[in-house]
Amino acid sequence: MIDEKSGHSESEHYDVILEDVETGIRPRKIKTPDKKKSAVGSGWQYASLAGEIGFDVAVPMVVGLIVGTKLDERWGTQPKVTLLLFGLGLLFSCTSLIRIVRDVLRKR
């Protein structure tokens, strides 16, 4: 609701109430404090986070196993390439998981 005398709404807050003619200080609006975000997120945020973690962890390892098995069959190097690519997928998964955890902790 707007006050007819001052033309300001009731929800506006000022850090200086009166105008000081000598110094030229006028009332100015200050940002109202935002309501603190709750630490508890919605269920959809948790579902999204779980999906992201599952995808980022599982896919590199599964791709490493599939590609490694095909290459081992072609080159006759059973199980060396499979283990190597699985290990690289595991390393990539760990770094991805660390990135996700850091992002979540930054948002808190």
PDB file of N, CA and C in Angstrom:
ATOM      1  N   MET A   1       0.844  -1.163   0.000  1.00  0.00           N
ATOM      2  CA  MET A   1       0.000   0.000   0.000  1.00  0.00           C
ATOM      3  C   MET A   1       0.901   1.242   0.000  1.00  0.00           C
ATOM      4  N   ILE A   2       0.552   2.219  -0.811  1.00  0.00           N
ATOM      5  CA  ILE A   2       1.381   3.419  -0.947  1.00  0.00           C
ATOM      6  C   ILE A   2       0.813   4.531  -0.075  1.00  0.00           C
ATOM      7  N   ASP A   3       1.695   5.138   0.701  1.00  0.00           N
ATOM      8  CA  ASP A   3       1.311   6.276   1.542  1.00  0.00           C
ATOM      9  C   ASP A   3       1.139   7.485   0.632  1.00  0.00           C
ATOM     10  N   GLU A   4      -0.018   8.144   0.712  1.00  0.00           N
ATOM     11  CA  GLU A   4      -0.316   9.243  -0.198  1.00  0.00           C
ATOM     12  C   GLU A   4       0.579  10.452   0.046  1.00  0.00           C
ATOM     13  N   LYS A   5       0.982  10.700   1.290  1.00  0.00           N
ATOM     14  CA  LYS A   5       1.805  11.876   1.594  1.00  0.00           C
ATOM     15  C   LYS A   5       3.215  11.736   1.037  1.00  0.00           C
ATOM     16  N   SER A   6       3.849  10.589   1.297  1.00  0.00           N
ATOM     17  CA  SER A   6       5.243  10.443   0.900  1.00  0.00           C
ATOM     18  C   SER A   6       5.405   9.759  -0.444  1.00  0.00           C
ATOM     19  N   GLY A   7       4.393   9.012  -0.883  1.00  0.00           N
ATOM     20  CA  GLY A   7       4.500   8.300  -2.146  1.00  0.00           C
ATOM     21  C   GLY A   7       5.306   7.023  -2.044  1.00  0.00           C
ATOM     22  N   HIS A   8       5.594   6.583  -0.823  1.00  0.00           N
ATOM     23  CA  HIS A   8       6.387   5.372  -0.611  1.00  0.00           C
ATOM     24  C   HIS A   8       5.483   4.254  -0.129  1.00  0.00           C
ATOM     25  N   SER A   9       5.834   3.042  -0.491  1.00  0.00           N
ATOM     26  CA  SER A   9       5.051   1.905  -0.007  1.00  0.00           C
ATOM     27  C   SER A   9       5.515   1.532   1.394  1.00  0.00           C
ATOM     28  N   GLU A  10       4.657   0.821   2.106  1.00  0.00           N
ATOM     29  CA  GLU A  10       4.976   0.448   3.486  1.00  0.00           C
ATOM     30  C   GLU A  10       6.114  -0.568   3.560  1.00  0.00           C
ATOM     31  N   SER A  11       6.347  -1.322   2.490  1.00  0.00           N
ATOM     32  CA  SER A  11       7.369  -2.363   2.539  1.00  0.00           C
ATOM     33  C   SER A  11       8.775  -1.831   2.275  1.00  0.00           C
ATOM     34  N   GLU A  12       8.900  -0.564   1.866  1.00  0.00           N
ATOM     35  CA  GLU A  12      10.220  -0.007   1.619  1.00  0.00           C
ATOM     36  C   GLU A  12      10.868   0.388   2.938  1.00  0.00           C
ATOM     37  N   HIS A  13      12.157   0.161   3.047  1.00  0.00           N
ATOM     38  CA  HIS A  13      12.891   0.493   4.260  1.00  0.00           C
ATOM     39  C   HIS A  13      13.973   1.507   3.916  1.00  0.00           C
ATOM     40  N   TYR A  14      14.214   2.428   4.839  1.00  0.00           N
ATOM     41  CA  TYR A  14      15.214   3.462   4.619  1.00  0.00           C
ATOM     42  C   TYR A  14      16.224   3.449   5.754  1.00  0.00           C
ATOM     43  N   ASP A  15      17.499   3.727   5.392  1.00  0.00           N
ATOM     44  CA  ASP A  15      18.513   3.783   6.432  1.00  0.00           C
ATOM     45  C   ASP A  15      18.657   5.202   6.979  1.00  0.00           C
ATOM     46  N   VAL A  16      18.196   6.230   6.280  1.00  0.00           N
ATOM     47  CA  VAL A  16      18.161   7.599   6.764  1.00  0.00           C
ATOM     48  C   VAL A  16      16.718   8.049   6.636  1.00  0.00           C
ATOM     49  N   ILE A  17      16.122   8.457   7.747  1.00  0.00           N
ATOM     50  CA  ILE A  17      14.692   8.770   7.717  1.00  0.00           C
ATOM     51  C   ILE A  17      14.449  10.204   7.266  1.00  0.00           C
ATOM     52  N   LEU A  18      15.212  11.156   7.764  1.00  0.00           N
ATOM     53  CA  LEU A  18      14.979  12.555   7.451  1.00  0.00           C
ATOM     54  C   LEU A  18      16.015  13.064   6.461  1.00  0.00           C
ATOM     55  N   GLU A  19      15.595  14.031   5.664  1.00  0.00           N
ATOM     56  CA  GLU A  19      16.515  14.662   4.726  1.00  0.00           C
ATOM     57  C   GLU A  19      17.297  15.737   5.469  1.00  0.00           C
ATOM     58  N   ASP A  20      18.605  15.727   5.295  1.00  0.00           N
ATOM     59  CA  ASP A  20      19.456  16.742   5.918  1.00  0.00           C
ATOM     60  C   ASP A  20      19.845  17.731   4.827  1.00  0.00           C
ATOM     61  N   VAL A  21      19.284  18.920   4.899  1.00  0.00           N
ATOM     62  CA  VAL A  21      19.485  19.927   3.855  1.00  0.00           C
ATOM     63  C   VAL A  21      20.937  20.378   3.802  1.00  0.00           C
ATOM     64  N   GLU A  22      21.586  20.508   4.947  1.00  0.00           N
ATOM     65  CA  GLU A  22      22.965  21.007   4.983  1.00  0.00           C
ATOM     66  C   GLU A  22      23.940  20.059   4.297  1.00  0.00           C
ATOM     67  N   THR A  23      23.811  18.784   4.556  1.00  0.00           N
ATOM     68  CA  THR A  23      24.754  17.823   3.979  1.00  0.00           C
ATOM     69  C   THR A  23      24.238  17.212   2.679  1.00  0.00           C
ATOM     70  N   GLY A  24      22.967  17.417   2.391  1.00  0.00           N
ATOM     71  CA  GLY A  24      22.416  16.868   1.155  1.00  0.00           C
ATOM     72  C   GLY A  24      22.077  15.390   1.245  1.00  0.00           C
ATOM     73  N   ILE A  25      22.021  14.863   2.471  1.00  0.00           N
ATOM     74  CA  ILE A  25      21.693  13.460   2.632  1.00  0.00           C
ATOM     75  C   ILE A  25      20.191  13.281   2.486  1.00  0.00           C
ATOM     76  N   ARG A  26      19.819  12.384   1.632  1.00  0.00           N
ATOM     77  CA  ARG A  26      18.407  12.094   1.419  1.00  0.00           C
ATOM     78  C   ARG A  26      18.135  10.648   1.800  1.00  0.00           C
ATOM     79  N   PRO A  27      16.876  10.359   2.082  1.00  0.00           N
ATOM     80  CA  PRO A  27      16.561   8.963   2.389  1.00  0.00           C
ATOM     81  C   PRO A  27      16.876   8.075   1.193  1.00  0.00           C
ATOM     82  N   ARG A  28      17.385   6.915   1.461  1.00  0.00           N
ATOM     83  CA  ARG A  28      17.662   5.991   0.372  1.00  0.00           C
ATOM     84  C   ARG A  28      17.161   4.609   0.757  1.00  0.00           C
ATOM     85  N   LYS A  29      16.801   3.886  -0.250  1.00  0.00           N
ATOM     86  CA  LYS A  29      16.258   2.558  -0.022  1.00  0.00           C
ATOM     87  C   LYS A  29      17.398   1.601   0.316  1.00  0.00           C
ATOM     88  N   ILE A  30      17.128   0.713   1.224  1.00  0.00           N
ATOM     89  CA  ILE A  30      18.077  -0.346   1.514  1.00  0.00           C
ATOM     90  C   ILE A  30      17.424  -1.659   1.146  1.00  0.00           C
ATOM     91  N   LYS A  31      18.232  -2.596   0.823  1.00  0.00           N
ATOM     92  CA  LYS A  31      17.714  -3.901   0.438  1.00  0.00           C
ATOM     93  C   LYS A  31      17.163  -4.598   1.670  1.00  0.00           C
ATOM     94  N   THR A  32      15.949  -5.060   1.543  1.00  0.00           N
ATOM     95  CA  THR A  32      15.367  -5.799   2.657  1.00  0.00           C
ATOM     96  C   THR A  32      16.043  -7.160   2.739  1.00  0.00           C
ATOM     97  N   PRO A  33      16.320  -7.627   3.934  1.00  0.00           N
ATOM     98  CA  PRO A  33      17.001  -8.908   4.059  1.00  0.00           C
ATOM     99  C   PRO A  33      16.144 -10.025   3.489  1.00  0.00           C
ATOM    100  N   ASP A  34      16.775 -10.843   2.653  1.00  0.00           N
ATOM    101  CA  ASP A  34      16.067 -11.986   2.087  1.00  0.00           C
ATOM    102  C   ASP A  34      15.834 -13.028   3.162  1.00  0.00           C
ATOM    103  N   LYS A  35      14.751 -13.724   3.006  1.00  0.00           N
ATOM    104  CA  LYS A  35      14.510 -14.819   3.926  1.00  0.00           C
ATOM    105  C   LYS A  35      15.578 -15.865   3.686  1.00  0.00           C
ATOM    106  N   LYS A  36      16.135 -16.359   4.758  1.00  0.00           N
ATOM    107  CA  LYS A  36      17.206 -17.345   4.640  1.00  0.00           C
ATOM    108  C   LYS A  36      16.652 -18.611   4.015  1.00  0.00           C
ATOM    109  N   LYS A  37      17.392 -19.107   3.045  1.00  0.00           N
ATOM    110  CA  LYS A  37      16.964 -20.334   2.399  1.00  0.00           C
ATOM    111  C   LYS A  37      17.085 -21.474   3.399  1.00  0.00           C
ATOM    112  N   SER A  38      16.113 -22.322   3.370  1.00  0.00           N
ATOM    113  CA  SER A  38      16.167 -23.440   4.304  1.00  0.00           C
ATOM    114  C   SER A  38      17.228 -24.430   3.851  1.00  0.00           C
ATOM    115  N   ALA A  39      17.854 -25.070   4.812  1.00  0.00           N
ATOM    116  CA  ALA A  39      18.898 -26.036   4.507  1.00  0.00           C
ATOM    117  C   ALA A  39      18.314 -27.303   3.901  1.00  0.00           C
ATOM    118  N   VAL A  40      17.041 -27.505   4.111  1.00  0.00           N
ATOM    119  CA  VAL A  40      16.393 -28.697   3.590  1.00  0.00           C
ATOM    120  C   VAL A  40      15.844 -28.380   2.213  1.00  0.00           C
ATOM    121  N   GLY A  41      16.306 -29.109   1.201  1.00  0.00           N
ATOM    122  CA  GLY A  41      15.831 -28.890  -0.155  1.00  0.00           C
ATOM    123  C   GLY A  41      14.585 -29.709  -0.420  1.00  0.00           C
ATOM    124  N   SER A  42      14.038 -29.501  -1.584  1.00  0.00           N
ATOM    125  CA  SER A  42      12.842 -30.250  -1.938  1.00  0.00           C
ATOM    126  C   SER A  42      13.240 -31.659  -2.366  1.00  0.00           C
ATOM    127  N   GLY A  43      12.255 -32.503  -2.417  1.00  0.00           N
ATOM    128  CA  GLY A  43      12.500 -33.889  -2.832  1.00  0.00           C
ATOM    129  C   GLY A  43      13.033 -33.983  -4.241  1.00  0.00           C
ATOM    130  N   TRP A  44      12.591 -33.067  -5.101  1.00  0.00           N
ATOM    131  CA  TRP A  44      13.059 -33.094  -6.488  1.00  0.00           C
ATOM    132  C   TRP A  44      14.532 -32.728  -6.581  1.00  0.00           C
ATOM    133  N   GLN A  45      14.992 -31.842  -5.719  1.00  0.00           N
ATOM    134  CA  GLN A  45      16.415 -31.488  -5.727  1.00  0.00           C
ATOM    135  C   GLN A  45      17.265 -32.693  -5.328  1.00  0.00           C
ATOM    136  N   TYR A  46      16.789 -33.433  -4.325  1.00  0.00           N
ATOM    137  CA  TYR A  46      17.522 -34.623  -3.902  1.00  0.00           C
ATOM    138  C   TYR A  46      17.498 -35.698  -4.980  1.00  0.00           C
ATOM    139  N   ALA A  47      16.359 -35.857  -5.648  1.00  0.00           N
ATOM    140  CA  ALA A  47      16.269 -36.840  -6.723  1.00  0.00           C
ATOM    141  C   ALA A  47      17.199 -36.474  -7.871  1.00  0.00           C
ATOM    142  N   SER A  48      17.259 -35.189  -8.188  1.00  0.00           N
ATOM    143  CA  SER A  48      18.147 -34.712  -9.245  1.00  0.00           C
ATOM    144  C   SER A  48      19.611 -34.954  -8.876  1.00  0.00           C
ATOM    145  N   LEU A  49      19.953 -34.671  -7.632  1.00  0.00           N
ATOM    146  CA  LEU A  49      21.321 -34.882  -7.169  1.00  0.00           C
ATOM    147  C   LEU A  49      21.693 -36.361  -7.202  1.00  0.00           C
ATOM    148  N   ALA A  50      20.784 -37.212  -6.767  1.00  0.00           N
ATOM    149  CA  ALA A  50      21.041 -38.660  -6.790  1.00  0.00           C
ATOM    150  C   ALA A  50      21.222 -39.152  -8.216  1.00  0.00           C
ATOM    151  N   GLY A  51      20.407 -38.651  -9.137  1.00  0.00           N
ATOM    152  CA  GLY A  51      20.546 -39.037 -10.539  1.00  0.00           C
ATOM    153  C   GLY A  51      21.863 -38.576 -11.127  1.00  0.00           C
ATOM    154  N   GLU A  52      22.257 -37.362 -10.786  1.00  0.00           N
ATOM    155  CA  GLU A  52      23.527 -36.833 -11.288  1.00  0.00           C
ATOM    156  C   GLU A  52      24.703 -37.651 -10.770  1.00  0.00           C
ATOM    157  N   ILE A  53      24.667 -37.983  -9.493  1.00  0.00           N
ATOM    158  CA  ILE A  53      25.754 -38.781  -8.909  1.00  0.00           C
ATOM    159  C   ILE A  53      25.788 -40.164  -9.553  1.00  0.00           C
ATOM    160  N   GLY A  54      24.623 -40.798  -9.666  1.00  0.00           N
ATOM    161  CA  GLY A  54      24.571 -42.126 -10.270  1.00  0.00           C
ATOM    162  C   GLY A  54      25.074 -42.133 -11.695  1.00  0.00           C
ATOM    163  N   PHE A  55      24.659 -41.152 -12.467  1.00  0.00           N
ATOM    164  CA  PHE A  55      25.079 -41.072 -13.864  1.00  0.00           C
ATOM    165  C   PHE A  55      26.575 -40.815 -13.969  1.00  0.00           C
ATOM    166  N   ASP A  56      27.077 -39.858 -13.204  1.00  0.00           N
ATOM    167  CA  ASP A  56      28.493 -39.491 -13.288  1.00  0.00           C
ATOM    168  C   ASP A  56      29.423 -40.573 -12.753  1.00  0.00           C
ATOM    169  N   VAL A  57      28.927 -41.423 -11.859  1.00  0.00           N
ATOM    170  CA  VAL A  57      29.771 -42.478 -11.300  1.00  0.00           C
ATOM    171  C   VAL A  57      29.706 -43.748 -12.142  1.00  0.00           C
ATOM    172  N   ALA A  58      28.519 -44.142 -12.557  1.00  0.00           N
ATOM    173  CA  ALA A  58      28.346 -45.432 -13.224  1.00  0.00           C
ATOM    174  C   ALA A  58      28.781 -45.430 -14.687  1.00  0.00           C
ATOM    175  N   VAL A  59      28.460 -44.398 -15.414  1.00  0.00           N
ATOM    176  CA  VAL A  59      28.697 -44.394 -16.863  1.00  0.00           C
ATOM    177  C   VAL A  59      30.174 -44.553 -17.238  1.00  0.00           C
ATOM    178  N   PRO A  60      31.101 -43.814 -16.664  1.00  0.00           N
ATOM    179  CA  PRO A  60      32.501 -43.995 -17.075  1.00  0.00           C
ATOM    180  C   PRO A  60      33.031 -45.414 -16.816  1.00  0.00           C
ATOM    181  N   MET A  61      32.610 -46.014 -15.701  1.00  0.00           N
ATOM    182  CA  MET A  61      33.091 -47.365 -15.411  1.00  0.00           C
ATOM    183  C   MET A  61      32.492 -48.387 -16.373  1.00  0.00           C
ATOM    184  N   VAL A  62      31.200 -48.261 -16.667  1.00  0.00           N
ATOM    185  CA  VAL A  62      30.550 -49.203 -17.586  1.00  0.00           C
ATOM    186  C   VAL A  62      31.122 -49.049 -18.993  1.00  0.00           C
ATOM    187  N   VAL A  63      31.331 -47.822 -19.431  1.00  0.00           N
ATOM    188  CA  VAL A  63      31.928 -47.598 -20.756  1.00  0.00           C
ATOM    189  C   VAL A  63      33.331 -48.187 -20.803  1.00  0.00           C
ATOM    190  N   GLY A  64      34.100 -48.012 -19.741  1.00  0.00           N
ATOM    191  CA  GLY A  64      35.440 -48.592 -19.687  1.00  0.00           C
ATOM    192  C   GLY A  64      35.406 -50.111 -19.785  1.00  0.00           C
ATOM    193  N   LEU A  65      34.455 -50.744 -19.107  1.00  0.00           N
ATOM    194  CA  LEU A  65      34.326 -52.206 -19.184  1.00  0.00           C
ATOM    195  C   LEU A  65      33.924 -52.673 -20.580  1.00  0.00           C
ATOM    196  N   ILE A  66      32.967 -52.016 -21.186  1.00  0.00           N
ATOM    197  CA  ILE A  66      32.495 -52.444 -22.515  1.00  0.00           C
ATOM    198  C   ILE A  66      33.564 -52.245 -23.576  1.00  0.00           C
ATOM    199  N   VAL A  67      34.150 -51.059 -23.614  1.00  0.00           N
ATOM    200  CA  VAL A  67      35.186 -50.775 -24.615  1.00  0.00           C
ATOM    201  C   VAL A  67      36.415 -51.642 -24.365  1.00  0.00           C
ATOM    202  N   GLY A  68      36.790 -51.805 -23.102  1.00  0.00           N
ATOM    203  CA  GLY A  68      37.948 -52.644 -22.782  1.00  0.00           C
ATOM    204  C   GLY A  68      37.753 -54.095 -23.179  1.00  0.00           C
ATOM    205  N   THR A  69      36.557 -54.633 -22.985  1.00  0.00           N
ATOM    206  CA  THR A  69      36.274 -56.017 -23.375  1.00  0.00           C
ATOM    207  C   THR A  69      36.376 -56.176 -24.882  1.00  0.00           C
ATOM    208  N   LYS A  70      35.816 -55.244 -25.633  1.00  0.00           N
ATOM    209  CA  LYS A  70      35.878 -55.308 -27.108  1.00  0.00           C
ATOM    210  C   LYS A  70      37.324 -55.219 -27.594  1.00  0.00           C
ATOM    211  N   LEU A  71      38.104 -54.319 -26.998  1.00  0.00           N
ATOM    212  CA  LEU A  71      39.504 -54.186 -27.414  1.00  0.00           C
ATOM    213  C   LEU A  71      40.318 -55.415 -27.025  1.00  0.00           C
ATOM    214  N   ASP A  72      40.034 -55.984 -25.849  1.00  0.00           N
ATOM    215  CA  ASP A  72      40.739 -57.205 -25.439  1.00  0.00           C
ATOM    216  C   ASP A  72      40.432 -58.356 -26.391  1.00  0.00           C
ATOM    217  N   GLU A  73      39.179 -58.477 -26.838  1.00  0.00           N
ATOM    218  CA  GLU A  73      38.823 -59.530 -27.786  1.00  0.00           C
ATOM    219  C   GLU A  73      39.553 -59.334 -29.111  1.00  0.00           C
ATOM    220  N   ARG A  74      39.636 -58.083 -29.556  1.00  0.00           N
ATOM    221  CA  ARG A  74      40.276 -57.801 -30.840  1.00  0.00           C
ATOM    222  C   ARG A  74      41.784 -58.013 -30.774  1.00  0.00           C
ATOM    223  N   TRP A  75      42.430 -57.590 -29.696  1.00  0.00           N
ATOM    224  CA  TRP A  75      43.881 -57.656 -29.596  1.00  0.00           C
ATOM    225  C   TRP A  75      44.374 -58.903 -28.883  1.00  0.00           C
ATOM    226  N   GLY A  76      43.481 -59.668 -28.258  1.00  0.00           N
ATOM    227  CA  GLY A  76      43.881 -60.877 -27.536  1.00  0.00           C
ATOM    228  C   GLY A  76      44.679 -60.584 -26.279  1.00  0.00           C
ATOM    229  N   THR A  77      44.334 -59.566 -25.585  1.00  0.00           N
ATOM    230  CA  THR A  77      45.072 -59.163 -24.379  1.00  0.00           C
ATOM    231  C   THR A  77      44.207 -59.298 -23.133  1.00  0.00           C
ATOM    232  N   GLN A  78      43.439 -60.373 -23.036  1.00  0.00           N
ATOM    233  CA  GLN A  78      42.498 -60.544 -21.920  1.00  0.00           C
ATOM    234  C   GLN A  78      43.202 -60.297 -20.609  1.00  0.00           C
ATOM    235  N   PRO A  79      42.763 -59.741 -19.667  1.00  0.00           N
ATOM    236  CA  PRO A  79      41.892 -58.648 -19.278  1.00  0.00           C
ATOM    237  C   PRO A  79      42.629 -57.326 -19.115  1.00  0.00           C
ATOM    238  N   LYS A  80      43.807 -57.178 -19.716  1.00  0.00           N
ATOM    239  CA  LYS A  80      44.635 -55.993 -19.443  1.00  0.00           C
ATOM    240  C   LYS A  80      43.967 -54.675 -19.825  1.00  0.00           C
ATOM    241  N   VAL A  81      43.458 -54.563 -21.035  1.00  0.00           N
ATOM    242  CA  VAL A  81      42.859 -53.303 -21.485  1.00  0.00           C
ATOM    243  C   VAL A  81      41.562 -53.034 -20.726  1.00  0.00           C
ATOM    244  N   THR A  82      40.802 -54.096 -20.447  1.00  0.00           N
ATOM    245  CA  THR A  82      39.557 -53.927 -19.695  1.00  0.00           C
ATOM    246  C   THR A  82      39.844 -53.343 -18.321  1.00  0.00           C
ATOM    247  N   LEU A  83      40.818 -53.888 -17.628  1.00  0.00           N
ATOM    248  CA  LEU A  83      41.160 -53.382 -16.297  1.00  0.00           C
ATOM    249  C   LEU A  83      41.713 -51.958 -16.359  1.00  0.00           C
ATOM    250  N   LEU A  84      42.498 -51.674 -17.385  1.00  0.00           N
ATOM    251  CA  LEU A  84      43.053 -50.340 -17.539  1.00  0.00           C
ATOM    252  C   LEU A  84      41.934 -49.313 -17.762  1.00  0.00           C
ATOM    253  N   LEU A  85      41.031 -49.598 -18.680  1.00  0.00           N
ATOM    254  CA  LEU A  85      39.953 -48.652 -18.967  1.00  0.00           C
ATOM    255  C   LEU A  85      38.960 -48.558 -17.807  1.00  0.00           C
ATOM    256  N   PHE A  86      38.728 -49.670 -17.100  1.00  0.00           N
ATOM    257  CA  PHE A  86      37.869 -49.618 -15.922  1.00  0.00           C
ATOM    258  C   PHE A  86      38.508 -48.730 -14.849  1.00  0.00           C
ATOM    259  N   GLY A  87      39.811 -48.858 -14.670  1.00  0.00           N
ATOM    260  CA  GLY A  87      40.530 -48.023 -13.699  1.00  0.00           C
ATOM    261  C   GLY A  87      40.464 -46.547 -14.067  1.00  0.00           C
ATOM    262  N   LEU A  88      40.605 -46.245 -15.361  1.00  0.00           N
ATOM    263  CA  LEU A  88      40.479 -44.845 -15.795  1.00  0.00           C
ATOM    264  C   LEU A  88      39.052 -44.330 -15.569  1.00  0.00           C
ATOM    265  N   GLY A  89      38.063 -45.189 -15.826  1.00  0.00           N
ATOM    266  CA  GLY A  89      36.676 -44.808 -15.570  1.00  0.00           C
ATOM    267  C   GLY A  89      36.431 -44.572 -14.093  1.00  0.00           C
ATOM    268  N   LEU A  90      37.023 -45.397 -13.244  1.00  0.00           N
ATOM    269  CA  LEU A  90      36.899 -45.238 -11.801  1.00  0.00           C
ATOM    270  C   LEU A  90      37.546 -43.924 -11.345  1.00  0.00           C
ATOM    271  N   LEU A  91      38.701 -43.619 -11.889  1.00  0.00           N
ATOM    272  CA  LEU A  91      39.376 -42.362 -11.556  1.00  0.00           C
ATOM    273  C   LEU A  91      38.533 -41.161 -11.979  1.00  0.00           C
ATOM    274  N   PHE A  92      37.975 -41.220 -13.189  1.00  0.00           N
ATOM    275  CA  PHE A  92      37.115 -40.145 -13.672  1.00  0.00           C
ATOM    276  C   PHE A  92      35.868 -40.019 -12.797  1.00  0.00           C
ATOM    277  N   SER A  93      35.306 -41.146 -12.375  1.00  0.00           N
ATOM    278  CA  SER A  93      34.119 -41.135 -11.513  1.00  0.00           C
ATOM    279  C   SER A  93      34.417 -40.475 -10.175  1.00  0.00           C
ATOM    280  N   CYS A  94      35.569 -40.776  -9.612  1.00  0.00           N
ATOM    281  CA  CYS A  94      35.943 -40.182  -8.316  1.00  0.00           C
ATOM    282  C   CYS A  94      36.113 -38.669  -8.422  1.00  0.00           C
ATOM    283  N   THR A  95      36.759 -38.202  -9.488  1.00  0.00           N
ATOM    284  CA  THR A  95      36.934 -36.760  -9.651  1.00  0.00           C
ATOM    285  C   THR A  95      35.584 -36.071  -9.889  1.00  0.00           C
ATOM    286  N   SER A  96      34.712 -36.738 -10.613  1.00  0.00           N
ATOM    287  CA  SER A  96      33.376 -36.178 -10.842  1.00  0.00           C
ATOM    288  C   SER A  96      32.584 -36.111  -9.539  1.00  0.00           C
ATOM    289  N   LEU A  97      32.700 -37.139  -8.710  1.00  0.00           N
ATOM    290  CA  LEU A  97      32.004 -37.158  -7.422  1.00  0.00           C
ATOM    291  C   LEU A  97      32.530 -36.049  -6.506  1.00  0.00           C
ATOM    292  N   ILE A  98      33.820 -35.829  -6.506  1.00  0.00           N
ATOM    293  CA  ILE A  98      34.411 -34.753  -5.701  1.00  0.00           C
ATOM    294  C   ILE A  98      33.885 -33.398  -6.166  1.00  0.00           C
ATOM    295  N   ARG A  99      33.772 -33.199  -7.476  1.00  0.00           N
ATOM    296  CA  ARG A  99      33.237 -31.949  -8.023  1.00  0.00           C
ATOM    297  C   ARG A  99      31.795 -31.725  -7.576  1.00  0.00           C
ATOM    298  N   ILE A 100      30.992 -32.764  -7.612  1.00  0.00           N
ATOM    299  CA  ILE A 100      29.588 -32.643  -7.206  1.00  0.00           C
ATOM    300  C   ILE A 100      29.491 -32.287  -5.724  1.00  0.00           C
ATOM    301  N   VAL A 101      30.289 -32.941  -4.889  1.00  0.00           N
ATOM    302  CA  VAL A 101      30.260 -32.669  -3.451  1.00  0.00           C
ATOM    303  C   VAL A 101      30.690 -31.234  -3.174  1.00  0.00           C
ATOM    304  N   ARG A 102      31.701 -30.756  -3.867  1.00  0.00           N
ATOM    305  CA  ARG A 102      32.139 -29.363  -3.674  1.00  0.00           C
ATOM    306  C   ARG A 102      31.051 -28.384  -4.067  1.00  0.00           C
ATOM    307  N   ASP A 103      30.362 -28.659  -5.188  1.00  0.00           N
ATOM    308  CA  ASP A 103      29.269 -27.775  -5.602  1.00  0.00           C
ATOM    309  C   ASP A 103      28.152 -27.749  -4.584  1.00  0.00           C
ATOM    310  N   VAL A 104      27.803 -28.899  -4.029  1.00  0.00           N
ATOM    311  CA  VAL A 104      26.731 -28.962  -3.037  1.00  0.00           C
ATOM    312  C   VAL A 104      27.131 -28.222  -1.770  1.00  0.00           C
ATOM    313  N   LEU A 105      28.368 -28.377  -1.331  1.00  0.00           N
ATOM    314  CA  LEU A 105      28.829 -27.696  -0.119  1.00  0.00           C
ATOM    315  C   LEU A 105      28.919 -26.181  -0.316  1.00  0.00           C
ATOM    316  N   ARG A 106      29.250 -25.729  -1.538  1.00  0.00           N
ATOM    317  CA  ARG A 106      29.302 -24.304  -1.815  1.00  0.00           C
ATOM    318  C   ARG A 106      27.924 -23.671  -1.740  1.00  0.00           C
ATOM    319  N   LYS A 107      26.911 -24.404  -2.149  1.00  0.00           N
ATOM    320  CA  LYS A 107      25.542 -23.868  -2.151  1.00  0.00           C
ATOM    321  C   LYS A 107      24.979 -23.719  -0.754  1.00  0.00           C
ATOM    322  N   ARG A 108      25.514 -24.424   0.204  1.00  0.00           N
ATOM    323  CA  ARG A 108      25.012 -24.343   1.585  1.00  0.00           C
ATOM    324  C   ARG A 108      25.486 -23.127   2.223  1.00  0.00           C
TER     325      ARG A 108
END
